[in-house]
C-alpha atoms as a PDB file:
ATOM      1  CA  MET A   1      61.721  70.972  94.241  1.00  0.00           C
ATOM      2  CA  GLU A   2      64.321  70.574  91.247  1.00  0.00           C
ATOM      3  CA  LEU A   3      67.855  70.070  92.018  1.00  0.00           C
ATOM      4  CA  SER A   4      70.613  72.500  89.972  1.00  0.00           C
ATOM      5  CA  ILE A   5      74.272  71.317  89.056  1.00  0.00           C
ATOM      6  CA  ALA A   6      75.656  74.191  90.758  1.00  0.00           C
ATOM      7  CA  ALA A   7      72.900  72.629  93.956  1.00  0.00           C
ATOM      8  CA  LEU A   8      74.699  69.622  94.236  1.00  0.00           C
ATOM      9  CA  ALA A   9      78.097  70.920  93.540  1.00  0.00           C
ATOM     10  CA  SER A  10      77.605  72.872  96.894  1.00  0.00           C
ATOM     11  CA  ASN A  11      76.959  69.703  98.517  1.00  0.00           C
ATOM     12  CA  LEU A  12      80.739  69.501  98.933  1.00  0.00           C
ATOM     13  CA  LEU A  13      80.328  72.171 101.903  1.00  0.00           C
ATOM     14  CA  ALA A  14      77.168  69.945 103.191  1.00  0.00           C
ATOM     15  CA  PRO A  15      78.756  68.792 106.245  1.00  0.00           C
ATOM     16  CA  THR A  16      78.266  64.962 105.883  1.00  0.00           C
ATOM     17  CA  ILE A  17      81.017  65.302 103.587  1.00  0.00           C
ATOM     18  CA  LEU A  18      83.502  68.058 105.429  1.00  0.00           C
ATOM     19  CA  PHE A  19      83.143  65.251 108.277  1.00  0.00           C
ATOM     20  CA  PHE A  20      85.131  62.494 105.846  1.00  0.00           C
ATOM     21  CA  VAL A  21      87.153  65.556 104.713  1.00  0.00           C
ATOM     22  CA  LEU A  22      87.714  66.337 108.134  1.00  0.00           C
ATOM     23  CA  GLY A  23      88.655  62.464 108.916  1.00  0.00           C
ATOM     24  CA  LEU A  24      90.854  62.032 105.595  1.00  0.00           C
ATOM     25  CA  ILE A  25      93.187  65.186 106.737  1.00  0.00           C
ATOM     26  CA  ALA A  26      93.309  63.792 109.899  1.00  0.00           C
ATOM     27  CA  ALA A  27      94.359  60.452 108.858  1.00  0.00           C
ATOM     28  CA  LEU A  28      97.323  62.041 107.064  1.00  0.00           C
ATOM     29  CA  ALA A  29      98.754  64.468 109.385  1.00  0.00           C
ATOM     30  CA  ARG A  30      99.262  61.005 111.640  1.00  0.00           C
ATOM     31  CA  SER A  31      96.706  62.414 114.071  1.00  0.00           C
ATOM     32  CA  ASP A  32      95.410  60.053 116.852  1.00  0.00           C
ATOM     33  CA  LEU A  33      91.948  60.710 116.585  1.00  0.00           C
ATOM     34  CA  SER A  34      89.634  57.887 116.494  1.00  0.00           C
ATOM     35  CA  ILE A  35      85.934  56.540 116.066  1.00  0.00           C
ATOM     36  CA  PRO A  36      85.544  53.279 118.802  1.00  0.00           C
ATOM     37  CA  GLU A  37      85.170  50.151 116.685  1.00  0.00           C
ATOM     38  CA  GLY A  38      82.415  48.855 118.656  1.00  0.00           C
ATOM     39  CA  ALA A  39      80.188  52.604 117.699  1.00  0.00           C
ATOM     40  CA  ALA A  40      81.739  52.469 114.143  1.00  0.00           C
ATOM     41  CA  LYS A  41      80.162  48.971 114.044  1.00  0.00           C
ATOM     42  CA  VAL A  42      76.460  50.106 115.693  1.00  0.00           C
ATOM     43  CA  MET A  43      76.659  53.408 113.169  1.00  0.00           C
ATOM     44  CA  SER A  44      77.119  50.845 110.514  1.00  0.00           C
ATOM     45  CA  ILE A  45      73.860  48.858 111.593  1.00  0.00           C
ATOM     46  CA  TYR A  46      71.921  52.044 112.035  1.00  0.00           C
ATOM     47  CA  LEU A  47      72.423  53.470 108.342  1.00  0.00           C
ATOM     48  CA  LEU A  48      72.193  49.544 106.729  1.00  0.00           C
ATOM     49  CA  LEU A  49      68.249  49.470 108.948  1.00  0.00           C
ATOM     50  CA  ALA A  50      67.131  53.024 108.412  1.00  0.00           C
ATOM     51  CA  ILE A  51      67.751  53.185 104.714  1.00  0.00           C
ATOM     52  CA  GLY A  52      66.496  49.748 104.052  1.00  0.00           C
ATOM     53  CA  PHE A  53      63.486  50.310 106.198  1.00  0.00           C
ATOM     54  CA  LYS A  54      63.025  53.754 104.217  1.00  0.00           C
ATOM     55  CA  GLY A  55      62.940  51.941 100.697  1.00  0.00           C
ATOM     56  CA  GLY A  56      61.194  49.066 101.559  1.00  0.00           C
ATOM     57  CA  ALA A  57      57.785  51.527 103.314  1.00  0.00           C
ATOM     58  CA  ALA A  58      58.632  53.806  99.824  1.00  0.00           C
ATOM     59  CA  VAL A  59      58.157  50.710  97.605  1.00  0.00           C
ATOM     60  CA  ALA A  60      54.307  49.849 100.109  1.00  0.00           C
ATOM     61  CA  LYS A  61      53.653  53.190  99.085  1.00  0.00           C
ATOM     62  CA  SER A  62      54.057  53.062  95.053  1.00  0.00           C
ATOM     63  CA  GLY A  63      53.495  49.266  94.757  1.00  0.00           C
ATOM     64  CA  VAL A  64      55.494  46.603  92.688  1.00  0.00           C
ATOM     65  CA  ASP A  65      56.090  47.703  88.993  1.00  0.00           C
ATOM     66  CA  ALA A  66      57.205  46.136  85.832  1.00  0.00           C
ATOM     67  CA  GLN A  67      60.350  49.102  86.108  1.00  0.00           C
ATOM     68  CA  LEU A  68      61.378  47.671  89.398  1.00  0.00           C
ATOM     69  CA  VAL A  69      61.845  43.997  87.890  1.00  0.00           C
ATOM     70  CA  ALA A  70      63.320  46.208  85.203  1.00  0.00           C
ATOM     71  CA  SER A  71      65.562  47.870  88.393  1.00  0.00           C
ATOM     72  CA  LEU A  72      66.563  44.667  89.788  1.00  0.00           C
ATOM     73  CA  GLY A  73      67.514  43.228  86.298  1.00  0.00           C
ATOM     74  CA  ALA A  74      69.361  46.021  85.314  1.00  0.00           C
ATOM     75  CA  GLY A  75      71.537  45.900  88.192  1.00  0.00           C
ATOM     76  CA  ILE A  76      72.390  42.631  88.017  1.00  0.00           C
ATOM     77  CA  VAL A  77      73.983  42.560  84.290  1.00  0.00           C
ATOM     78  CA  LEU A  78      75.806  46.120  85.043  1.00  0.00           C
ATOM     79  CA  SER A  79      77.259  43.636  88.287  1.00  0.00           C
ATOM     80  CA  PHE A  80      77.876  41.360  86.173  1.00  0.00           C
ATOM     81  CA  VAL A  81      79.028  43.442  83.025  1.00  0.00           C
ATOM     82  CA  LEU A  82      81.323  46.051  85.270  1.00  0.00           C
ATOM     83  CA  PRO A  83      83.929  44.256  86.292  1.00  0.00           C
ATOM     84  CA  PHE A  84      85.018  43.073  82.826  1.00  0.00           C
ATOM     85  CA  ALA A  85      84.771  46.810  81.560  1.00  0.00           C
ATOM     86  CA  ALA A  86      87.821  47.304  84.920  1.00  0.00           C
ATOM     87  CA  TYR A  87      89.461  44.568  83.669  1.00  0.00           C
ATOM     88  CA  GLY A  88      90.245  45.752  80.285  1.00  0.00           C
ATOM     89  CA  LEU A  89      91.314  49.414  82.145  1.00  0.00           C
ATOM     90  CA  LEU A  90      93.187  47.977  84.322  1.00  0.00           C
ATOM     91  CA  ARG A  91      95.148  45.775  81.661  1.00  0.00           C
ATOM     92  CA  LEU A  92      95.437  49.001  79.825  1.00  0.00           C
ATOM     93  CA  MET A  93      96.648  51.647  82.259  1.00  0.00           C
ATOM     94  CA  THR A  94      98.856  49.452  84.767  1.00  0.00           C
ATOM     95  CA  ARG A  95     101.368  46.742  84.602  1.00  0.00           C
ATOM     96  CA  LEU A  96      98.535  44.653  87.381  1.00  0.00           C
ATOM     97  CA  ASP A  97      99.096  40.969  86.291  1.00  0.00           C
ATOM     98  CA  GLY A  98      95.968  39.314  85.825  1.00  0.00           C
ATOM     99  CA  LEU A  99      95.311  38.120  89.630  1.00  0.00           C
ATOM    100  CA  ASN A 100      95.351  41.429  91.167  1.00  0.00           C
ATOM    101  CA  ALA A 101      93.560  43.025  87.957  1.00  0.00           C
ATOM    102  CA  ALA A 102      90.738  40.288  88.686  1.00  0.00           C
ATOM    103  CA  ALA A 103      90.753  40.735  91.850  1.00  0.00           C
ATOM    104  CA  VAL A 104      90.550  44.852  92.001  1.00  0.00           C
ATOM    105  CA  ALA A 105      87.735  44.329  89.194  1.00  0.00           C
ATOM    106  CA  GLY A 106      85.648  42.394  91.285  1.00  0.00           C
ATOM    107  CA  HIS A 107      85.660  45.419  93.323  1.00  0.00           C
ATOM    108  CA  TYR A 108      84.122  47.591  90.905  1.00  0.00           C
ATOM    109  CA  GLY A 109      81.663  45.322  89.753  1.00  0.00           C
ATOM    110  CA  SER A 110      79.859  45.866  93.663  1.00  0.00           C
ATOM    111  CA  ILE A 111      78.983  48.483  95.440  1.00  0.00           C
ATOM    112  CA  SER A 112      79.293  50.896  98.270  1.00  0.00           C
ATOM    113  CA  ILE A 113      76.554  50.949 100.473  1.00  0.00           C
ATOM    114  CA  VAL A 114      78.022  53.809 102.433  1.00  0.00           C
ATOM    115  CA  THR A 115      78.268  55.792  98.944  1.00  0.00           C
ATOM    116  CA  PHE A 116      74.568  55.078  98.185  1.00  0.00           C
ATOM    117  CA  VAL A 117      73.527  56.284 101.479  1.00  0.00           C
ATOM    118  CA  THR A 118      75.031  59.499 101.016  1.00  0.00           C
ATOM    119  CA  ALA A 119      73.756  59.746  97.949  1.00  0.00           C
ATOM    120  CA  VAL A 120      70.123  59.365  98.736  1.00  0.00           C
ATOM    121  CA  SER A 121      71.167  61.603 101.879  1.00  0.00           C
ATOM    122  CA  LEU A 122      72.337  64.609  99.452  1.00  0.00           C
ATOM    123  CA  LEU A 123      69.289  63.763  96.999  1.00  0.00           C
ATOM    124  CA  ASP A 124      66.906  64.027 101.035  1.00  0.00           C
ATOM    125  CA  ALA A 125      68.098  66.915 101.558  1.00  0.00           C
ATOM    126  CA  ARG A 126      67.472  68.728  98.711  1.00  0.00           C
ATOM    127  CA  GLY A 127      63.644  67.649  98.361  1.00  0.00           C
ATOM    128  CA  ILE A 128      64.784  65.278  95.486  1.00  0.00           C
ATOM    129  CA  GLN A 129      62.369  61.821  94.529  1.00  0.00           C
ATOM    130  CA  SER A 130      63.588  58.896  93.576  1.00  0.00           C
ATOM    131  CA  GLU A 131      62.374  55.529  93.513  1.00  0.00           C
ATOM    132  CA  GLY A 132      63.005  53.433  96.558  1.00  0.00           C
ATOM    133  CA  TYR A 133      63.648  50.770  95.311  1.00  0.00           C
ATOM    134  CA  LEU A 134      66.920  51.241  94.396  1.00  0.00           C
ATOM    135  CA  VAL A 135      68.005  50.375  98.142  1.00  0.00           C
ATOM    136  CA  ALA A 136      66.819  46.381  96.568  1.00  0.00           C
ATOM    137  CA  VAL A 137      69.135  47.256  93.495  1.00  0.00           C
ATOM    138  CA  ALA A 138      71.737  47.838  95.815  1.00  0.00           C
ATOM    139  CA  ALA A 139      71.200  44.117  97.287  1.00  0.00           C
ATOM    140  CA  VAL A 140      71.459  42.101  94.394  1.00  0.00           C
ATOM    141  CA  MET A 141      74.497  44.318  93.013  1.00  0.00           C
ATOM    142  CA  GLU A 142      76.977  42.377  95.767  1.00  0.00           C
ATOM    143  CA  VAL A 143      76.645  39.226  94.383  1.00  0.00           C
ATOM    144  CA  PRO A 144      77.167  38.922  90.679  1.00  0.00           C
ATOM    145  CA  ALA A 145      80.129  41.230  90.362  1.00  0.00           C
ATOM    146  CA  ILE A 146      82.636  38.664  92.538  1.00  0.00           C
ATOM    147  CA  MET A 147      81.057  35.471  90.392  1.00  0.00           C
ATOM    148  CA  SER A 148      82.987  37.774  87.131  1.00  0.00           C
ATOM    149  CA  ALA A 149      86.131  38.243  89.099  1.00  0.00           C
ATOM    150  CA  LEU A 150      85.986  34.821  89.964  1.00  0.00           C
ATOM    151  CA  TRP A 151      85.893  33.805  86.230  1.00  0.00           C
ATOM    152  CA  ILE A 152      88.210  36.451  85.022  1.00  0.00           C
ATOM    153  CA  ALA A 153      90.773  34.923  87.317  1.00  0.00           C
ATOM    154  CA  ALA A 154      90.448  31.259  86.495  1.00  0.00           C
ATOM    155  CA  ARG A 155      90.519  32.192  82.728  1.00  0.00           C
ATOM    156  CA  LYS A 156      93.955  34.014  83.066  1.00  0.00           C
ATOM    157  CA  GLY A 157      95.047  31.356  85.506  1.00  0.00           C
ATOM    158  CA  GLY A 158      94.821  32.132  88.672  1.00  0.00           C
ATOM    159  CA  VAL A 159      93.680  29.955  91.780  1.00  0.00           C
ATOM    160  CA  ALA A 160      90.417  30.490  92.699  1.00  0.00           C
ATOM    161  CA  THR A 161      89.281  28.641  95.862  1.00  0.00           C
ATOM    162  CA  VAL A 162      85.425  28.298  95.444  1.00  0.00           C
ATOM    163  CA  ASP A 163      83.658  26.079  97.891  1.00  0.00           C
ATOM    164  CA  SER A 164      80.840  25.921 100.010  1.00  0.00           C
ATOM    165  CA  THR A 165      82.655  28.354 102.635  1.00  0.00           C
ATOM    166  CA  LEU A 166      82.402  31.022 100.289  1.00  0.00           C
ATOM    167  CA  TYR A 167      78.676  30.576  99.151  1.00  0.00           C
ATOM    168  CA  ARG A 168      77.713  31.393 102.474  1.00  0.00           C
ATOM    169  CA  HIS A 169      80.461  33.681 103.221  1.00  0.00           C
ATOM    170  CA  ILE A 170      78.752  36.138  99.991  1.00  0.00           C
ATOM    171  CA  LEU A 171      74.776  34.709 100.802  1.00  0.00           C
ATOM    172  CA  GLY A 172      75.157  35.147 104.801  1.00  0.00           C
ATOM    173  CA  ASN A 173      77.041  38.900 104.704  1.00  0.00           C
ATOM    174  CA  GLY A 174      75.502  41.030 107.218  1.00  0.00           C
ATOM    175  CA  SER A 175      75.690  44.273 105.319  1.00  0.00           C
ATOM    176  CA  ILE A 176      72.728  42.349 102.897  1.00  0.00           C
ATOM    177  CA  VAL A 177      71.479  40.477 105.383  1.00  0.00           C
ATOM    178  CA  LEU A 178      70.327  43.697 107.268  1.00  0.00           C
ATOM    179  CA  LEU A 179      69.428  45.393 104.233  1.00  0.00           C
ATOM    180  CA  VAL A 180      67.002  43.272 102.343  1.00  0.00           C
ATOM    181  CA  GLY A 181      65.863  42.136 105.901  1.00  0.00           C
ATOM    182  CA  SER A 182      65.267  46.108 106.808  1.00  0.00           C
ATOM    183  CA  PHE A 183      63.857  46.697 103.143  1.00  0.00           C
ATOM    184  CA  ALA A 184      61.596  44.018 103.505  1.00  0.00           C
ATOM    185  CA  ILE A 185      60.051  44.563 106.986  1.00  0.00           C
ATOM    186  CA  GLY A 186      59.312  48.403 105.822  1.00  0.00           C
ATOM    187  CA  ALA A 187      57.320  46.804 102.818  1.00  0.00           C
ATOM    188  CA  ILE A 188      55.365  44.923 104.512  1.00  0.00           C
ATOM    189  CA  THR A 189      55.188  48.252 107.538  1.00  0.00           C
ATOM    190  CA  GLY A 190      54.510  50.121 105.110  1.00  0.00           C
ATOM    191  CA  GLU A 191      53.601  53.769 105.504  1.00  0.00           C
ATOM    192  CA  SER A 192      52.491  53.490 109.514  1.00  0.00           C
ATOM    193  CA  GLY A 193      55.596  51.456 110.431  1.00  0.00           C
ATOM    194  CA  LEU A 194      57.403  54.385 108.550  1.00  0.00           C
ATOM    195  CA  ASN A 195      55.627  56.765 111.416  1.00  0.00           C
ATOM    196  CA  ASP A 196      55.974  54.449 114.371  1.00  0.00           C
ATOM    197  CA  LEU A 197      60.141  55.187 113.763  1.00  0.00           C
ATOM    198  CA  HIS A 198      60.516  58.466 112.210  1.00  0.00           C
ATOM    199  CA  PRO A 199      62.045  59.618 115.499  1.00  0.00           C
ATOM    200  CA  PHE A 200      64.780  56.781 115.233  1.00  0.00           C
ATOM    201  CA  ILE A 201      65.282  56.158 111.414  1.00  0.00           C
ATOM    202  CA  VAL A 202      65.063  59.909 110.082  1.00  0.00           C
ATOM    203  CA  VAL A 203      65.035  62.547 112.709  1.00  0.00           C
ATOM    204  CA  PRO A 204      68.873  61.375 113.558  1.00  0.00           C
ATOM    205  CA  PHE A 205      70.185  59.696 110.455  1.00  0.00           C
ATOM    206  CA  THR A 206      71.855  62.600 109.311  1.00  0.00           C
ATOM    207  CA  GLY A 207      73.798  63.253 112.230  1.00  0.00           C
ATOM    208  CA  VAL A 208      75.146  59.955 112.555  1.00  0.00           C
ATOM    209  CA  LEU A 209      75.962  59.645 109.086  1.00  0.00           C
ATOM    210  CA  ALA A 210      78.042  62.744 109.899  1.00  0.00           C
ATOM    211  CA  VAL A 211      79.743  60.719 112.678  1.00  0.00           C
ATOM    212  CA  PHE A 212      80.074  57.792 110.619  1.00  0.00           C
ATOM    213  CA  LEU A 213      81.840  59.323 107.154  1.00  0.00           C
ATOM    214  CA  LEU A 214      84.297  61.393 109.858  1.00  0.00           C
ATOM    215  CA  ASP A 215      85.323  57.348 110.614  1.00  0.00           C
ATOM    216  CA  MET A 216      85.205  56.723 106.715  1.00  0.00           C
ATOM    217  CA  GLY A 217      87.673  59.232 106.074  1.00  0.00           C
ATOM    218  CA  LEU A 218      90.417  58.228 108.752  1.00  0.00           C
ATOM    219  CA  SER A 219      89.666  54.719 107.387  1.00  0.00           C
ATOM    220  CA  ALA A 220      90.165  55.738 103.971  1.00  0.00           C
ATOM    221  CA  GLY A 221      93.588  57.972 104.236  1.00  0.00           C
ATOM    222  CA  ARG A 222      95.550  55.674 106.822  1.00  0.00           C
ATOM    223  CA  SER A 223      94.869  52.526 103.895  1.00  0.00           C
ATOM    224  CA  LEU A 224      96.348  54.951 101.596  1.00  0.00           C
ATOM    225  CA  MET A 225      99.817  56.404 104.054  1.00  0.00           C
ATOM    226  CA  LYS A 226      99.766  52.250 104.869  1.00  0.00           C
ATOM    227  CA  ASN A 227      99.520  51.129 101.500  1.00  0.00           C
ATOM    228  CA  ARG A 228     101.248  53.734  99.325  1.00  0.00           C
ATOM    229  CA  LYS A 229     104.563  52.235  97.778  1.00  0.00           C
ATOM    230  CA  ASP A 230     101.720  49.366  96.071  1.00  0.00           C
ATOM    231  CA  ILE A 231      99.693  52.383  94.573  1.00  0.00           C
ATOM    232  CA  SER A 232     101.304  53.073  91.625  1.00  0.00           C
ATOM    233  CA  GLY A 233     100.538  56.378  88.943  1.00  0.00           C
ATOM    234  CA  GLY A 234      98.562  54.294  87.042  1.00  0.00           C
ATOM    235  CA  LEU A 235      96.631  52.988  89.320  1.00  0.00           C
ATOM    236  CA  LEU A 236      95.665  55.908  91.258  1.00  0.00           C
ATOM    237  CA  ALA A 237      94.625  56.852  87.830  1.00  0.00           C
ATOM    238  CA  PHE A 238      92.370  54.079  87.476  1.00  0.00           C
ATOM    239  CA  GLY A 239      90.462  54.494  91.016  1.00  0.00           C
ATOM    240  CA  CYS A 240      89.022  57.707  89.138  1.00  0.00           C
ATOM    241  CA  VAL A 241      88.709  57.056  85.905  1.00  0.00           C
ATOM    242  CA  MET A 242      86.689  53.140  86.614  1.00  0.00           C
ATOM    243  CA  PRO A 243      84.179  55.118  88.562  1.00  0.00           C
ATOM    244  CA  ILE A 244      83.410  57.868  85.215  1.00  0.00           C
ATOM    245  CA  VAL A 245      82.855  55.309  82.616  1.00  0.00           C
ATOM    246  CA  GLY A 246      81.168  52.301  85.405  1.00  0.00           C
ATOM    247  CA  SER A 247      78.316  55.775  85.862  1.00  0.00           C
ATOM    248  CA  LEU A 248      78.053  55.677  82.486  1.00  0.00           C
ATOM    249  CA  PHE A 249      77.348  52.393  82.632  1.00  0.00           C
ATOM    250  CA  GLY A 250      74.876  53.004  85.406  1.00  0.00           C
ATOM    251  CA  LEU A 251      73.143  56.346  82.842  1.00  0.00           C
ATOM    252  CA  ILE A 252      72.774  54.190  80.360  1.00  0.00           C
ATOM    253  CA  CYS A 253      70.453  50.963  82.139  1.00  0.00           C
ATOM    254  CA  ALA A 254      68.392  54.180  84.101  1.00  0.00           C
ATOM    255  CA  GLU A 255      67.583  55.722  80.401  1.00  0.00           C
ATOM    256  CA  LEU A 256      66.419  52.369  79.149  1.00  0.00           C
ATOM    257  CA  VAL A 257      64.896  51.687  82.553  1.00  0.00           C
ATOM    258  CA  GLY A 258      63.104  55.522  82.287  1.00  0.00           C
ATOM    259  CA  LEU A 259      63.729  56.013  85.747  1.00  0.00           C
ATOM    260  CA  SER A 260      63.256  59.389  87.683  1.00  0.00           C
ATOM    261  CA  THR A 261      66.374  61.745  87.505  1.00  0.00           C
ATOM    262  CA  GLY A 262      67.072  61.044  90.888  1.00  0.00           C
ATOM    263  CA  GLY A 263      66.677  57.584  90.407  1.00  0.00           C
ATOM    264  CA  THR A 264      69.174  57.608  87.452  1.00  0.00           C
ATOM    265  CA  PHE A 265      71.672  59.365  89.669  1.00  0.00           C
ATOM    266  CA  LEU A 266      71.384  57.400  92.015  1.00  0.00           C
ATOM    267  CA  LEU A 267      72.074  54.408  89.587  1.00  0.00           C
ATOM    268  CA  MET A 268      75.064  56.116  88.089  1.00  0.00           C
ATOM    269  CA  VAL A 269      76.631  56.070  91.915  1.00  0.00           C
ATOM    270  CA  LEU A 270      76.245  52.918  92.645  1.00  0.00           C
ATOM    271  CA  SER A 271      78.191  51.682  89.415  1.00  0.00           C
ATOM    272  CA  ALA A 272      80.319  54.023  89.902  1.00  0.00           C
ATOM    273  CA  SER A 273      80.978  53.019  93.798  1.00  0.00           C
ATOM    274  CA  ALA A 274      83.303  49.777  94.107  1.00  0.00           C
ATOM    275  CA  SER A 275      83.012  47.849  97.359  1.00  0.00           C
ATOM    276  CA  TYR A 276      85.400  47.337 100.263  1.00  0.00           C
ATOM    277  CA  ILE A 277      83.017  45.584 102.469  1.00  0.00           C
ATOM    278  CA  ALA A 278      82.126  42.382 100.878  1.00  0.00           C
ATOM    279  CA  VAL A 279      84.052  41.343  98.169  1.00  0.00           C
ATOM    280  CA  PRO A 280      87.269  41.843  99.932  1.00  0.00           C
ATOM    281  CA  ALA A 281      85.952  39.375 102.057  1.00  0.00           C
ATOM    282  CA  ALA A 282      85.359  37.050  99.460  1.00  0.00           C
ATOM    283  CA  MET A 283      88.386  38.132  97.702  1.00  0.00           C
ATOM    284  CA  ARG A 284      90.648  36.705 100.334  1.00  0.00           C
ATOM    285  CA  LEU A 285      88.425  33.810 100.581  1.00  0.00           C
ATOM    286  CA  ALA A 286      88.579  32.963  96.965  1.00  0.00           C
ATOM    287  CA  LEU A 287      91.846  35.198  95.569  1.00  0.00           C
ATOM    288  CA  PRO A 288      94.081  34.439  99.181  1.00  0.00           C
ATOM    289  CA  ASP A 289      97.063  35.416  96.513  1.00  0.00           C
ATOM    290  CA  ALA A 290      96.058  38.650  95.355  1.00  0.00           C
ATOM    291  CA  LYS A 291      97.337  41.575  97.202  1.00  0.00           C
ATOM    292  CA  SER A 292      94.471  43.189  99.237  1.00  0.00           C
ATOM    293  CA  GLY A 293      96.782  46.110 100.156  1.00  0.00           C
ATOM    294  CA  ILE A 294      95.879  47.155  96.292  1.00  0.00           C
ATOM    295  CA  TYR A 295      91.855  46.255  96.046  1.00  0.00           C
ATOM    296  CA  LEU A 296      91.650  47.673  99.803  1.00  0.00           C
ATOM    297  CA  THR A 297      93.221  50.665  99.032  1.00  0.00           C
ATOM    298  CA  LEU A 298      91.919  51.890  96.038  1.00  0.00           C
ATOM    299  CA  ALA A 299      88.179  50.656  96.670  1.00  0.00           C
ATOM    300  CA  LEU A 300      88.016  52.590 100.494  1.00  0.00           C
ATOM    301  CA  GLY A 301      91.002  55.658  99.612  1.00  0.00           C
ATOM    302  CA  VAL A 302      90.922  56.350  95.876  1.00  0.00           C
ATOM    303  CA  THR A 303      87.580  55.847  94.658  1.00  0.00           C
ATOM    304  CA  PHE A 304      85.305  56.403  97.313  1.00  0.00           C
ATOM    305  CA  PRO A 305      86.629  59.918  98.647  1.00  0.00           C
ATOM    306  CA  PHE A 306      86.284  60.820  94.785  1.00  0.00           C
ATOM    307  CA  ASN A 307      82.669  59.744  94.971  1.00  0.00           C
ATOM    308  CA  LEU A 308      81.942  61.423  97.362  1.00  0.00           C
ATOM    309  CA  THR A 309      83.467  64.914  96.448  1.00  0.00           C
ATOM    310  CA  LEU A 310      83.747  65.099  92.800  1.00  0.00           C
ATOM    311  CA  GLY A 311      81.533  62.119  91.350  1.00  0.00           C
ATOM    312  CA  MET A 312      78.800  62.781  92.619  1.00  0.00           C
ATOM    313  CA  PRO A 313      78.330  66.403  91.218  1.00  0.00           C
ATOM    314  CA  LEU A 314      79.403  65.318  88.157  1.00  0.00           C
ATOM    315  CA  TYR A 315      76.836  62.345  87.938  1.00  0.00           C
ATOM    316  CA  TYR A 316      73.843  64.318  88.758  1.00  0.00           C
ATOM    317  CA  MET A 317      74.893  66.895  85.831  1.00  0.00           C
ATOM    318  CA  LEU A 318      75.221  64.020  83.456  1.00  0.00           C
ATOM    319  CA  ALA A 319      71.460  62.766  84.982  1.00  0.00           C
ATOM    320  CA  SER A 320      69.760  66.245  84.586  1.00  0.00           C
ATOM    321  CA  TRP A 321      71.406  65.944  80.752  1.00  0.00           C
ATOM    322  CA  PHE A 322      68.962  63.116  79.987  1.00  0.00           C
END
């Protein structure tokens, strides 16, 4: 079934998105609503495991081909290049110094796996096919952006702490390990493995995502409230403009690789998103003098809500045109 622009736009009223909005409103209203930290961690593990396993099973069904390799290459290139575009925009639109601009830029070359999971869920709900191996593309897009940000910071006179601790942290990041590992298990076990785990990773998926997005809404709203003095109008504008710029880079790469409409949409979502888990932790280690309140609030409090509400319908509209 083909997905129309109006149909995807109607997903603004999907339960998962509305639960995110509820959490955002509750946080801005200073409600004491909260999700226990342990529960949020378990839900995060579940979502990564489920999306990775289903992606691996899809690859086992379709096989490895040149398009998969090209897509992985496109993901790596996007992750390297996007921080430079983000840095240029930041210098044009804001008054951030070079160090903080570099730290922020690194977040916009990496990805938000929760945004990706939500996009996959929206496509699944509409019966739209996409390339399952894009889960692997998401995984390879985490690290190159960090290297680009550190290079920019060093060129602009910043002091970057790059040692074995940083590399261990990047390569051992729990989200990446689980995503890649579950993808590999799905690829090994294939359709039979997916059938075995169907009641666990398929049936409850949307419900778990709804509660998790409620928690993400609370986190986004509270981050905005806590750090609102550090976020200027220029930074707010950047947090909404950069995702669109990133999505256009993703669109170009998707067209060159030859992805389906659903796959193009997902690569655009990956290119438009900003990391608020792996990269902030790496920046705290490598660029300790950068202000975490700025880069974390932009990624989680501005770009994440923008992508979930306004960005995704726009990205699909562009993907469907091409």
